[in-house]
Amino acid sequence: MSTTTLDKTETAPAPATAPRRRVRRRGERSPAGAALLHGGLAVASLIALAPVAWLFYLSLGPDKEDYLHPADIAGKFSFSNYSFVLQHTGFLDWFKSTMIVALGTTFIGVLVAATTGYAVSRMRFPGYKQLMWVLLLTQAFPIAILIVPMYEIFSELGLIDTYWALILINCTTAVPYSAWLLKGYFDTIPFEIDEAGRVDGLSPFGTFFRLILPLARPGLAVAAFYNFITAVGEVAFATTFLLDDSKYTFAVGLQTFVSEHDAQWNYMAATAVLIAIPVTVFFYLVQKNLVTGLTAGGTKG
């Protein structure tokens, strides 16, 4: 081999390497995918907020017929509807009654649902499977069928026109769903935790209250929020069982703005906006656990 050949071989440039393609990490979205996702979320948020914003806008119209001409509200909007509702209606009494019924329903409903869901999740007593289906079956009866017999029962018990009547009735609506929800969540908590509690000398109730409930906080938050909004929005039973106007809840109080020949839509809109405030506050208190609680019971493991 000649010297010229060796020199050419040694001085030959190295072949150019192709640039390495960036590998996208698992769960990482492309710029187009991220833009599409955020655009969809923005549109969904606007759709969800539009009715609330429209209701607030209508509540600023000082006349009861302004909802027919919403464009005119911008030139004469005021907060007079809110001052009227707060000062010249029973709104504060409605607020007190609603909070008593809603918080009572939340406390009792979550307590009953949690103990029921835990018992079915952990204990194998005769008929434990059928119990959950019976709870689900109770939701199949229309409210119109239940009002008359329940009115007779509560009349015999002397509970008509009392908060206890509404609390108990709301629990019959909220407990079945909450029990199913919490049962699914308790299934995700390892059974070894119960065994560890028994080894440490805890009773079944002690294990439940000291070990299981703290771990089930997300599920309890979802059940509490469901019980709360169920009690706040219930109309049929509240209209039937509450006779004293000082005990009206929000749902019943709103109906006082509508008569046979007239409807004060401006006051109704302002009241509806005010009603949303306590629900929003309650949602804010439990929202940290809502997403976890809604998704954790979907699978067992």
C-alpha atoms as a PDB file:
ATOM      1  CA  MET A   1       0.000   0.000   0.000  1.00  0.00           C
ATOM      2  CA  SER A   2       1.400   3.378  -0.974  1.00  0.00           C
ATOM      3  CA  THR A   3       2.047   6.333   1.273  1.00  0.00           C
ATOM      4  CA  THR A   4      -0.417   8.370  -0.696  1.00  0.00           C
ATOM      5  CA  THR A   5      -3.135   5.864  -0.016  1.00  0.00           C
ATOM      6  CA  LEU A   6      -2.432   5.882   3.726  1.00  0.00           C
ATOM      7  CA  ASP A   7      -2.534   9.663   3.895  1.00  0.00           C
ATOM      8  CA  LYS A   8      -5.877   9.758   2.141  1.00  0.00           C
ATOM      9  CA  THR A   9      -7.232   7.147   4.479  1.00  0.00           C
ATOM     10  CA  GLU A  10      -6.071   8.939   7.616  1.00  0.00           C
ATOM     11  CA  THR A  11      -7.263  12.372   6.547  1.00  0.00           C
ATOM     12  CA  ALA A  12     -10.701  11.307   5.305  1.00  0.00           C
ATOM     13  CA  PRO A  13     -13.430  13.253   7.151  1.00  0.00           C
ATOM     14  CA  ALA A  14     -15.750  11.340   9.472  1.00  0.00           C
ATOM     15  CA  PRO A  15     -19.261  10.821   8.121  1.00  0.00           C
ATOM     16  CA  ALA A  16     -21.796  13.353   9.442  1.00  0.00           C
ATOM     17  CA  THR A  17     -24.122  11.901  12.068  1.00  0.00           C
ATOM     18  CA  ALA A  18     -27.836  12.651  11.867  1.00  0.00           C
ATOM     19  CA  PRO A  19     -29.149  14.814  14.736  1.00  0.00           C
ATOM     20  CA  ARG A  20     -30.784  12.749  17.477  1.00  0.00           C
ATOM     21  CA  ARG A  21     -34.548  12.994  17.503  1.00  0.00           C
ATOM     22  CA  ARG A  22     -35.900  14.193  20.809  1.00  0.00           C
ATOM     23  CA  VAL A  23     -37.849  11.439  22.501  1.00  0.00           C
ATOM     24  CA  ARG A  24     -41.075  12.675  24.062  1.00  0.00           C
ATOM     25  CA  ARG A  25     -41.497  11.549  27.627  1.00  0.00           C
ATOM     26  CA  ARG A  26     -44.442   9.503  28.660  1.00  0.00           C
ATOM     27  CA  GLY A  27     -47.406  11.775  29.314  1.00  0.00           C
ATOM     28  CA  GLU A  28     -45.736  14.738  27.596  1.00  0.00           C
ATOM     29  CA  ARG A  29     -47.877  16.328  24.905  1.00  0.00           C
ATOM     30  CA  SER A  30     -46.801  17.876  21.671  1.00  0.00           C
ATOM     31  CA  PRO A  31     -47.259  21.649  21.275  1.00  0.00           C
ATOM     32  CA  ALA A  32     -50.225  21.073  18.978  1.00  0.00           C
ATOM     33  CA  GLY A  33     -51.801  18.628  21.406  1.00  0.00           C
ATOM     34  CA  ALA A  34     -51.274  20.972  24.350  1.00  0.00           C
ATOM     35  CA  ALA A  35     -52.801  23.881  22.422  1.00  0.00           C
ATOM     36  CA  LEU A  36     -55.786  21.749  21.425  1.00  0.00           C
ATOM     37  CA  LEU A  37     -56.288  20.569  25.004  1.00  0.00           C
ATOM     38  CA  HIS A  38     -56.098  24.057  26.495  1.00  0.00           C
ATOM     39  CA  GLY A  39     -58.379  25.398  23.792  1.00  0.00           C
ATOM     40  CA  GLY A  40     -60.961  22.724  24.557  1.00  0.00           C
ATOM     41  CA  LEU A  41     -60.733  23.425  28.278  1.00  0.00           C
ATOM     42  CA  ALA A  42     -61.165  27.152  27.638  1.00  0.00           C
ATOM     43  CA  VAL A  43     -64.274  26.530  25.549  1.00  0.00           C
ATOM     44  CA  ALA A  44     -65.709  24.159  28.176  1.00  0.00           C
ATOM     45  CA  SER A  45     -65.048  26.749  30.900  1.00  0.00           C
ATOM     46  CA  LEU A  46     -66.831  29.436  28.916  1.00  0.00           C
ATOM     47  CA  ILE A  47     -69.815  27.150  28.364  1.00  0.00           C
ATOM     48  CA  ALA A  48     -69.971  26.366  32.093  1.00  0.00           C
ATOM     49  CA  LEU A  49     -69.595  29.989  33.193  1.00  0.00           C
ATOM     50  CA  ALA A  50     -71.896  31.544  30.601  1.00  0.00           C
ATOM     51  CA  PRO A  51     -75.190  30.778  32.425  1.00  0.00           C
ATOM     52  CA  VAL A  52     -73.770  32.087  35.713  1.00  0.00           C
ATOM     53  CA  ALA A  53     -72.496  35.266  34.077  1.00  0.00           C
ATOM     54  CA  TRP A  54     -75.819  35.759  32.292  1.00  0.00           C
ATOM     55  CA  LEU A  55     -77.754  35.292  35.535  1.00  0.00           C
ATOM     56  CA  PHE A  56     -75.545  37.837  37.291  1.00  0.00           C
ATOM     57  CA  TYR A  57     -76.036  40.271  34.410  1.00  0.00           C
ATOM     58  CA  LEU A  58     -79.820  39.922  34.594  1.00  0.00           C
ATOM     59  CA  SER A  59     -79.714  40.447  38.360  1.00  0.00           C
ATOM     60  CA  LEU A  60     -78.361  43.960  37.748  1.00  0.00           C
ATOM     61  CA  GLY A  61     -81.505  45.046  35.926  1.00  0.00           C
ATOM     62  CA  PRO A  62     -83.599  47.202  38.296  1.00  0.00           C
ATOM     63  CA  ASP A  63     -86.962  46.377  36.655  1.00  0.00           C
ATOM     64  CA  LYS A  64     -88.693  43.015  36.628  1.00  0.00           C
ATOM     65  CA  GLU A  65     -89.193  43.173  32.853  1.00  0.00           C
ATOM     66  CA  ASP A  66     -85.545  43.847  32.051  1.00  0.00           C
ATOM     67  CA  TYR A  67     -84.937  40.196  31.207  1.00  0.00           C
ATOM     68  CA  LEU A  68     -87.059  40.771  28.094  1.00  0.00           C
ATOM     69  CA  HIS A  69     -84.701  43.534  26.936  1.00  0.00           C
ATOM     70  CA  PRO A  70     -81.263  42.542  28.276  1.00  0.00           C
ATOM     71  CA  ALA A  71     -79.421  45.027  26.084  1.00  0.00           C
ATOM     72  CA  ASP A  72     -80.961  47.913  28.041  1.00  0.00           C
ATOM     73  CA  ILE A  73     -79.512  46.695  31.356  1.00  0.00           C
ATOM     74  CA  ALA A  74     -76.014  47.923  30.500  1.00  0.00           C
ATOM     75  CA  GLY A  75     -77.154  51.548  30.598  1.00  0.00           C
ATOM     76  CA  LYS A  76     -79.003  51.398  33.921  1.00  0.00           C
ATOM     77  CA  PHE A  77     -77.555  48.510  35.936  1.00  0.00           C
ATOM     78  CA  SER A  78     -77.547  48.746  39.719  1.00  0.00           C
ATOM     79  CA  PHE A  79     -77.324  46.573  42.827  1.00  0.00           C
ATOM     80  CA  SER A  80     -80.750  47.599  44.083  1.00  0.00           C
ATOM     81  CA  ASN A  81     -82.091  44.061  43.649  1.00  0.00           C
ATOM     82  CA  TYR A  82     -79.513  42.727  46.101  1.00  0.00           C
ATOM     83  CA  SER A  83     -80.268  45.375  48.718  1.00  0.00           C
ATOM     84  CA  PHE A  84     -84.001  44.665  48.386  1.00  0.00           C
ATOM     85  CA  VAL A  85     -83.521  40.920  48.769  1.00  0.00           C
ATOM     86  CA  LEU A  86     -81.283  41.318  51.828  1.00  0.00           C
ATOM     87  CA  GLN A  87     -83.369  43.994  53.556  1.00  0.00           C
ATOM     88  CA  HIS A  88     -86.989  43.400  52.569  1.00  0.00           C
ATOM     89  CA  THR A  89     -87.321  39.633  52.206  1.00  0.00           C
ATOM     90  CA  GLY A  90     -86.753  36.662  54.477  1.00  0.00           C
ATOM     91  CA  PHE A  91     -83.412  35.859  52.843  1.00  0.00           C
ATOM     92  CA  LEU A  92     -81.486  35.691  56.120  1.00  0.00           C
ATOM     93  CA  ASP A  93     -84.106  33.325  57.581  1.00  0.00           C
ATOM     94  CA  TRP A  94     -83.891  31.248  54.412  1.00  0.00           C
ATOM     95  CA  PHE A  95     -80.135  31.164  54.754  1.00  0.00           C
ATOM     96  CA  LYS A  96     -80.327  30.002  58.373  1.00  0.00           C
ATOM     97  CA  SER A  97     -82.860  27.294  57.581  1.00  0.00           C
ATOM     98  CA  THR A  98     -80.927  26.094  54.558  1.00  0.00           C
ATOM     99  CA  MET A  99     -77.675  25.842  56.501  1.00  0.00           C
ATOM    100  CA  ILE A 100     -79.358  23.911  59.334  1.00  0.00           C
ATOM    101  CA  VAL A 101     -80.902  21.431  56.898  1.00  0.00           C
ATOM    102  CA  ALA A 102     -77.869  21.164  54.612  1.00  0.00           C
ATOM    103  CA  LEU A 103     -75.253  20.755  57.346  1.00  0.00           C
ATOM    104  CA  GLY A 104     -77.495  18.367  59.292  1.00  0.00           C
ATOM    105  CA  THR A 105     -78.030  16.283  56.156  1.00  0.00           C
ATOM    106  CA  THR A 106     -74.304  16.338  55.423  1.00  0.00           C
ATOM    107  CA  PHE A 107     -73.267  15.209  58.895  1.00  0.00           C
ATOM    108  CA  ILE A 108     -75.872  12.487  59.371  1.00  0.00           C
ATOM    109  CA  GLY A 109     -75.812  11.344  55.745  1.00  0.00           C
ATOM    110  CA  VAL A 110     -72.028  10.990  55.567  1.00  0.00           C
ATOM    111  CA  LEU A 111     -71.903   9.226  58.933  1.00  0.00           C
ATOM    112  CA  VAL A 112     -74.554   6.676  57.936  1.00  0.00           C
ATOM    113  CA  ALA A 113     -73.125   6.209  54.444  1.00  0.00           C
ATOM    114  CA  ALA A 114     -69.571   5.779  55.740  1.00  0.00           C
ATOM    115  CA  THR A 115     -70.490   3.145  58.322  1.00  0.00           C
ATOM    116  CA  THR A 116     -72.668   1.320  55.773  1.00  0.00           C
ATOM    117  CA  GLY A 117     -70.025   1.380  53.054  1.00  0.00           C
ATOM    118  CA  TYR A 118     -67.306   0.245  55.463  1.00  0.00           C
ATOM    119  CA  ALA A 119     -69.429  -2.619  56.811  1.00  0.00           C
ATOM    120  CA  VAL A 120     -70.206  -3.914  53.325  1.00  0.00           C
ATOM    121  CA  SER A 121     -66.597  -3.479  52.205  1.00  0.00           C
ATOM    122  CA  ARG A 122     -65.016  -5.302  55.151  1.00  0.00           C
ATOM    123  CA  MET A 123     -67.611  -7.593  56.741  1.00  0.00           C
ATOM    124  CA  ARG A 124     -69.226 -10.632  55.183  1.00  0.00           C
ATOM    125  CA  PHE A 125     -72.570 -10.859  56.957  1.00  0.00           C
ATOM    126  CA  PRO A 126     -75.639 -12.565  55.434  1.00  0.00           C
ATOM    127  CA  GLY A 127     -77.210 -10.360  52.792  1.00  0.00           C
ATOM    128  CA  TYR A 128     -74.397  -7.802  52.567  1.00  0.00           C
ATOM    129  CA  LYS A 129     -74.570  -7.779  48.766  1.00  0.00           C
ATOM    130  CA  GLN A 130     -78.348  -7.521  48.726  1.00  0.00           C
ATOM    131  CA  LEU A 131     -78.177  -4.579  51.137  1.00  0.00           C
ATOM    132  CA  MET A 132     -76.423  -2.400  48.570  1.00  0.00           C
ATOM    133  CA  TRP A 133     -78.921  -3.318  45.888  1.00  0.00           C
ATOM    134  CA  VAL A 134     -81.800  -2.507  48.229  1.00  0.00           C
ATOM    135  CA  LEU A 135     -80.266   0.925  48.805  1.00  0.00           C
ATOM    136  CA  LEU A 136     -80.072   1.404  45.062  1.00  0.00           C
ATOM    137  CA  LEU A 137     -83.660   0.238  44.635  1.00  0.00           C
ATOM    138  CA  THR A 138     -84.926   2.995  46.925  1.00  0.00           C
ATOM    139  CA  GLN A 139     -83.914   5.529  44.254  1.00  0.00           C
ATOM    140  CA  ALA A 140     -86.342   4.009  41.761  1.00  0.00           C
ATOM    141  CA  PHE A 141     -89.463   5.493  43.371  1.00  0.00           C
ATOM    142  CA  PRO A 142     -90.596   8.925  42.095  1.00  0.00           C
ATOM    143  CA  ILE A 143     -90.910  11.730  44.620  1.00  0.00           C
ATOM    144  CA  ALA A 144     -94.601  12.189  43.796  1.00  0.00           C
ATOM    145  CA  ILE A 145     -95.327   8.671  45.078  1.00  0.00           C
ATOM    146  CA  LEU A 146     -93.373   9.184  48.311  1.00  0.00           C
ATOM    147  CA  ILE A 147     -94.731  12.568  49.395  1.00  0.00           C
ATOM    148  CA  VAL A 148     -98.141  11.415  50.646  1.00  0.00           C
ATOM    149  CA  PRO A 149     -97.005   8.393  52.733  1.00  0.00           C
ATOM    150  CA  MET A 150     -94.059  10.351  54.128  1.00  0.00           C
ATOM    151  CA  TYR A 151     -96.358  13.217  55.053  1.00  0.00           C
ATOM    152  CA  GLU A 152     -98.582  10.768  56.946  1.00  0.00           C
ATOM    153  CA  ILE A 153     -95.592   9.241  58.751  1.00  0.00           C
ATOM    154  CA  PHE A 154     -94.079  12.563  59.781  1.00  0.00           C
ATOM    155  CA  SER A 155     -97.480  13.885  60.789  1.00  0.00           C
ATOM    156  CA  GLU A 156     -97.881  10.950  63.182  1.00  0.00           C
ATOM    157  CA  LEU A 157     -94.401  11.624  64.542  1.00  0.00           C
ATOM    158  CA  GLY A 158     -95.086  15.349  64.958  1.00  0.00           C
ATOM    159  CA  LEU A 159     -92.282  16.329  62.608  1.00  0.00           C
ATOM    160  CA  ILE A 160     -94.258  18.407  60.124  1.00  0.00           C
ATOM    161  CA  ASP A 161     -92.845  21.942  59.824  1.00  0.00           C
ATOM    162  CA  THR A 162     -89.577  20.931  61.468  1.00  0.00           C
ATOM    163  CA  TYR A 163     -86.015  20.818  60.211  1.00  0.00           C
ATOM    164  CA  TRP A 164     -85.709  17.188  61.263  1.00  0.00           C
ATOM    165  CA  ALA A 165     -88.277  16.162  58.664  1.00  0.00           C
ATOM    166  CA  LEU A 166     -86.236  17.622  55.823  1.00  0.00           C
ATOM    167  CA  ILE A 167     -82.939  16.302  57.193  1.00  0.00           C
ATOM    168  CA  LEU A 168     -84.256  12.746  57.404  1.00  0.00           C
ATOM    169  CA  ILE A 169     -85.887  12.910  53.978  1.00  0.00           C
ATOM    170  CA  ASN A 170     -82.767  14.335  52.355  1.00  0.00           C
ATOM    171  CA  CYS A 171     -80.743  11.539  53.935  1.00  0.00           C
ATOM    172  CA  THR A 172     -82.983   8.950  52.286  1.00  0.00           C
ATOM    173  CA  THR A 173     -82.020  10.515  48.961  1.00  0.00           C
ATOM    174  CA  ALA A 174     -78.323  11.111  49.595  1.00  0.00           C
ATOM    175  CA  VAL A 175     -77.297   8.063  51.660  1.00  0.00           C
ATOM    176  CA  PRO A 176     -77.757   5.336  48.990  1.00  0.00           C
ATOM    177  CA  TYR A 177     -75.477   7.055  46.463  1.00  0.00           C
ATOM    178  CA  SER A 178     -72.986   8.074  49.157  1.00  0.00           C
ATOM    179  CA  ALA A 179     -72.867   4.508  50.519  1.00  0.00           C
ATOM    180  CA  TRP A 180     -72.054   3.125  47.062  1.00  0.00           C
ATOM    181  CA  LEU A 181     -69.416   5.793  46.574  1.00  0.00           C
ATOM    182  CA  LEU A 182     -67.713   5.197  49.915  1.00  0.00           C
ATOM    183  CA  LYS A 183     -67.928   1.433  49.614  1.00  0.00           C
ATOM    184  CA  GLY A 184     -65.939   1.663  46.400  1.00  0.00           C
ATOM    185  CA  TYR A 185     -63.425   3.944  48.082  1.00  0.00           C
ATOM    186  CA  PHE A 186     -63.027   1.685  51.136  1.00  0.00           C
ATOM    187  CA  ASP A 187     -62.314  -1.204  48.749  1.00  0.00           C
ATOM    188  CA  THR A 188     -59.173   0.648  47.627  1.00  0.00           C
ATOM    189  CA  ILE A 189     -57.784   0.832  51.175  1.00  0.00           C
ATOM    190  CA  PRO A 190     -55.632  -2.255  51.942  1.00  0.00           C
ATOM    191  CA  PHE A 191     -57.187  -4.715  54.374  1.00  0.00           C
ATOM    192  CA  GLU A 192     -53.820  -4.996  56.112  1.00  0.00           C
ATOM    193  CA  ILE A 193     -54.512  -1.645  57.777  1.00  0.00           C
ATOM    194  CA  ASP A 194     -57.509  -3.167  59.560  1.00  0.00           C
ATOM    195  CA  GLU A 195     -55.398  -6.106  60.651  1.00  0.00           C
ATOM    196  CA  ALA A 196     -52.698  -3.765  61.954  1.00  0.00           C
ATOM    197  CA  GLY A 197     -55.334  -1.930  63.983  1.00  0.00           C
ATOM    198  CA  ARG A 198     -56.548  -5.164  65.540  1.00  0.00           C
ATOM    199  CA  VAL A 199     -52.976  -6.161  66.365  1.00  0.00           C
ATOM    200  CA  ASP A 200     -52.566  -2.823  68.164  1.00  0.00           C
ATOM    201  CA  GLY A 201     -55.672  -3.570  70.238  1.00  0.00           C
ATOM    202  CA  LEU A 202     -58.172  -1.315  68.466  1.00  0.00           C
ATOM    203  CA  SER A 203     -61.807  -2.304  68.333  1.00  0.00           C
ATOM    204  CA  PRO A 204     -63.600  -2.363  64.946  1.00  0.00           C
ATOM    205  CA  PHE A 205     -65.004   1.100  65.696  1.00  0.00           C
ATOM    206  CA  GLY A 206     -61.575   2.327  66.761  1.00  0.00           C
ATOM    207  CA  THR A 207     -60.027   0.999  63.558  1.00  0.00           C
ATOM    208  CA  PHE A 208     -62.743   2.645  61.516  1.00  0.00           C
ATOM    209  CA  PHE A 209     -62.571   6.077  63.147  1.00  0.00           C
ATOM    210  CA  ARG A 210     -58.814   6.281  63.827  1.00  0.00           C
ATOM    211  CA  LEU A 211     -57.306   4.536  60.804  1.00  0.00           C
ATOM    212  CA  ILE A 212     -59.777   4.192  57.948  1.00  0.00           C
ATOM    213  CA  LEU A 213     -61.607   7.522  58.007  1.00  0.00           C
ATOM    214  CA  PRO A 214     -58.419   9.639  57.805  1.00  0.00           C
ATOM    215  CA  LEU A 215     -57.362   7.654  54.738  1.00  0.00           C
ATOM    216  CA  ALA A 216     -60.834   8.001  53.207  1.00  0.00           C
ATOM    217  CA  ARG A 217     -60.873  11.794  53.418  1.00  0.00           C
ATOM    218  CA  PRO A 218     -61.168  12.333  49.626  1.00  0.00           C
ATOM    219  CA  GLY A 219     -64.164  10.011  49.412  1.00  0.00           C
ATOM    220  CA  LEU A 220     -65.754  11.642  52.437  1.00  0.00           C
ATOM    221  CA  ALA A 221     -65.297  15.048  50.789  1.00  0.00           C
ATOM    222  CA  VAL A 222     -67.177  13.923  47.679  1.00  0.00           C
ATOM    223  CA  ALA A 223     -69.983  12.401  49.761  1.00  0.00           C
ATOM    224  CA  ALA A 224     -70.210  15.545  51.909  1.00  0.00           C
ATOM    225  CA  PHE A 225     -70.446  17.808  48.865  1.00  0.00           C
ATOM    226  CA  TYR A 226     -73.122  15.610  47.294  1.00  0.00           C
ATOM    227  CA  ASN A 227     -75.168  15.591  50.507  1.00  0.00           C
ATOM    228  CA  PHE A 228     -74.796  19.354  50.856  1.00  0.00           C
ATOM    229  CA  ILE A 229     -75.949  20.290  47.352  1.00  0.00           C
ATOM    230  CA  THR A 230     -78.765  17.728  47.548  1.00  0.00           C
ATOM    231  CA  ALA A 231     -80.138  19.430  50.653  1.00  0.00           C
ATOM    232  CA  VAL A 232     -79.679  22.946  49.288  1.00  0.00           C
ATOM    233  CA  GLY A 233     -81.431  22.216  45.997  1.00  0.00           C
ATOM    234  CA  GLU A 234     -84.290  20.025  47.253  1.00  0.00           C
ATOM    235  CA  VAL A 235     -87.676  21.588  46.394  1.00  0.00           C
ATOM    236  CA  ALA A 236     -90.598  19.152  46.527  1.00  0.00           C
ATOM    237  CA  PHE A 237     -90.305  17.933  50.121  1.00  0.00           C
ATOM    238  CA  ALA A 238     -89.305  21.359  51.447  1.00  0.00           C
ATOM    239  CA  THR A 239     -92.385  22.919  49.835  1.00  0.00           C
ATOM    240  CA  THR A 240     -94.648  20.242  51.309  1.00  0.00           C
ATOM    241  CA  PHE A 241     -93.316  19.898  54.862  1.00  0.00           C
ATOM    242  CA  LEU A 242     -92.373  23.487  55.736  1.00  0.00           C
ATOM    243  CA  LEU A 243     -95.372  25.642  56.642  1.00  0.00           C
ATOM    244  CA  ASP A 244     -93.839  28.526  58.594  1.00  0.00           C
ATOM    245  CA  ASP A 245     -92.333  31.110  56.235  1.00  0.00           C
ATOM    246  CA  SER A 246     -89.543  31.776  58.754  1.00  0.00           C
ATOM    247  CA  LYS A 247     -88.360  28.170  58.188  1.00  0.00           C
ATOM    248  CA  TYR A 248     -88.327  28.311  54.414  1.00  0.00           C
ATOM    249  CA  THR A 249     -85.182  27.133  52.699  1.00  0.00           C
ATOM    250  CA  PHE A 250     -83.733  28.821  49.628  1.00  0.00           C
ATOM    251  CA  ALA A 251     -85.658  26.554  47.280  1.00  0.00           C
ATOM    252  CA  VAL A 252     -88.981  27.472  48.890  1.00  0.00           C
ATOM    253  CA  GLY A 253     -88.094  31.128  49.348  1.00  0.00           C
ATOM    254  CA  LEU A 254     -87.441  31.563  45.640  1.00  0.00           C
ATOM    255  CA  GLN A 255     -91.014  30.583  44.912  1.00  0.00           C
ATOM    256  CA  THR A 256     -92.327  33.587  46.851  1.00  0.00           C
ATOM    257  CA  PHE A 257     -91.214  35.818  43.965  1.00  0.00           C
ATOM    258  CA  VAL A 258     -93.654  34.080  41.627  1.00  0.00           C
ATOM    259  CA  SER A 259     -97.408  34.522  41.972  1.00  0.00           C
ATOM    260  CA  GLU A 260    -100.308  33.546  39.759  1.00  0.00           C
ATOM    261  CA  HIS A 261    -100.212  36.760  37.735  1.00  0.00           C
ATOM    262  CA  ASP A 262     -96.743  38.138  38.337  1.00  0.00           C
ATOM    263  CA  ALA A 263     -93.100  37.083  38.503  1.00  0.00           C
ATOM    264  CA  GLN A 264     -90.307  39.245  39.886  1.00  0.00           C
ATOM    265  CA  TRP A 265     -87.473  37.852  37.805  1.00  0.00           C
ATOM    266  CA  ASN A 266     -84.986  40.516  38.828  1.00  0.00           C
ATOM    267  CA  TYR A 267     -85.292  39.578  42.508  1.00  0.00           C
ATOM    268  CA  MET A 268     -85.166  35.884  41.652  1.00  0.00           C
ATOM    269  CA  ALA A 269     -81.939  36.394  39.718  1.00  0.00           C
ATOM    270  CA  ALA A 270     -80.342  38.345  42.560  1.00  0.00           C
ATOM    271  CA  THR A 271     -81.421  35.712  45.094  1.00  0.00           C
ATOM    272  CA  ALA A 272     -80.052  32.919  42.906  1.00  0.00           C
ATOM    273  CA  VAL A 273     -76.658  34.641  42.769  1.00  0.00           C
ATOM    274  CA  LEU A 274     -76.646  35.021  46.562  1.00  0.00           C
ATOM    275  CA  ILE A 275     -77.617  31.361  46.977  1.00  0.00           C
ATOM    276  CA  ALA A 276     -74.575  30.338  44.943  1.00  0.00           C
ATOM    277  CA  ILE A 277     -72.228  31.937  47.468  1.00  0.00           C
ATOM    278  CA  PRO A 278     -72.529  29.379  50.337  1.00  0.00           C
ATOM    279  CA  VAL A 279     -72.391  26.503  47.852  1.00  0.00           C
ATOM    280  CA  THR A 280     -69.239  27.982  46.325  1.00  0.00           C
ATOM    281  CA  VAL A 281     -67.670  28.407  49.769  1.00  0.00           C
ATOM    282  CA  PHE A 282     -68.437  24.785  50.675  1.00  0.00           C
ATOM    283  CA  PHE A 283     -67.010  23.635  47.352  1.00  0.00           C
ATOM    284  CA  TYR A 284     -63.840  25.615  48.021  1.00  0.00           C
ATOM    285  CA  LEU A 285     -63.423  23.924  51.405  1.00  0.00           C
ATOM    286  CA  VAL A 286     -63.583  20.412  49.956  1.00  0.00           C
ATOM    287  CA  GLN A 287     -62.270  20.924  46.415  1.00  0.00           C
ATOM    288  CA  LYS A 288     -58.742  19.724  47.246  1.00  0.00           C
ATOM    289  CA  ASN A 289     -60.088  16.223  47.808  1.00  0.00           C
ATOM    290  CA  LEU A 290     -62.864  16.140  45.204  1.00  0.00           C
ATOM    291  CA  VAL A 291     -60.870  14.948  42.180  1.00  0.00           C
ATOM    292  CA  THR A 292     -59.094  12.218  44.149  1.00  0.00           C
ATOM    293  CA  GLY A 293     -62.337  11.097  45.746  1.00  0.00           C
ATOM    294  CA  LEU A 294     -64.229  10.962  42.453  1.00  0.00           C
ATOM    295  CA  THR A 295     -61.631   8.806  40.705  1.00  0.00           C
ATOM    296  CA  ALA A 296     -60.210   6.612  43.482  1.00  0.00           C
ATOM    297  CA  GLY A 297     -63.264   4.372  43.828  1.00  0.00           C
ATOM    298  CA  GLY A 298     -63.315   3.501  40.150  1.00  0.00           C
ATOM    299  CA  THR A 299     -60.869   0.595  40.487  1.00  0.00           C
ATOM    300  CA  LYS A 300     -60.007  -1.796  43.246  1.00  0.00           C
ATOM    301  CA  GLY A 301     -56.390  -2.226  44.222  1.00  0.00           C
END
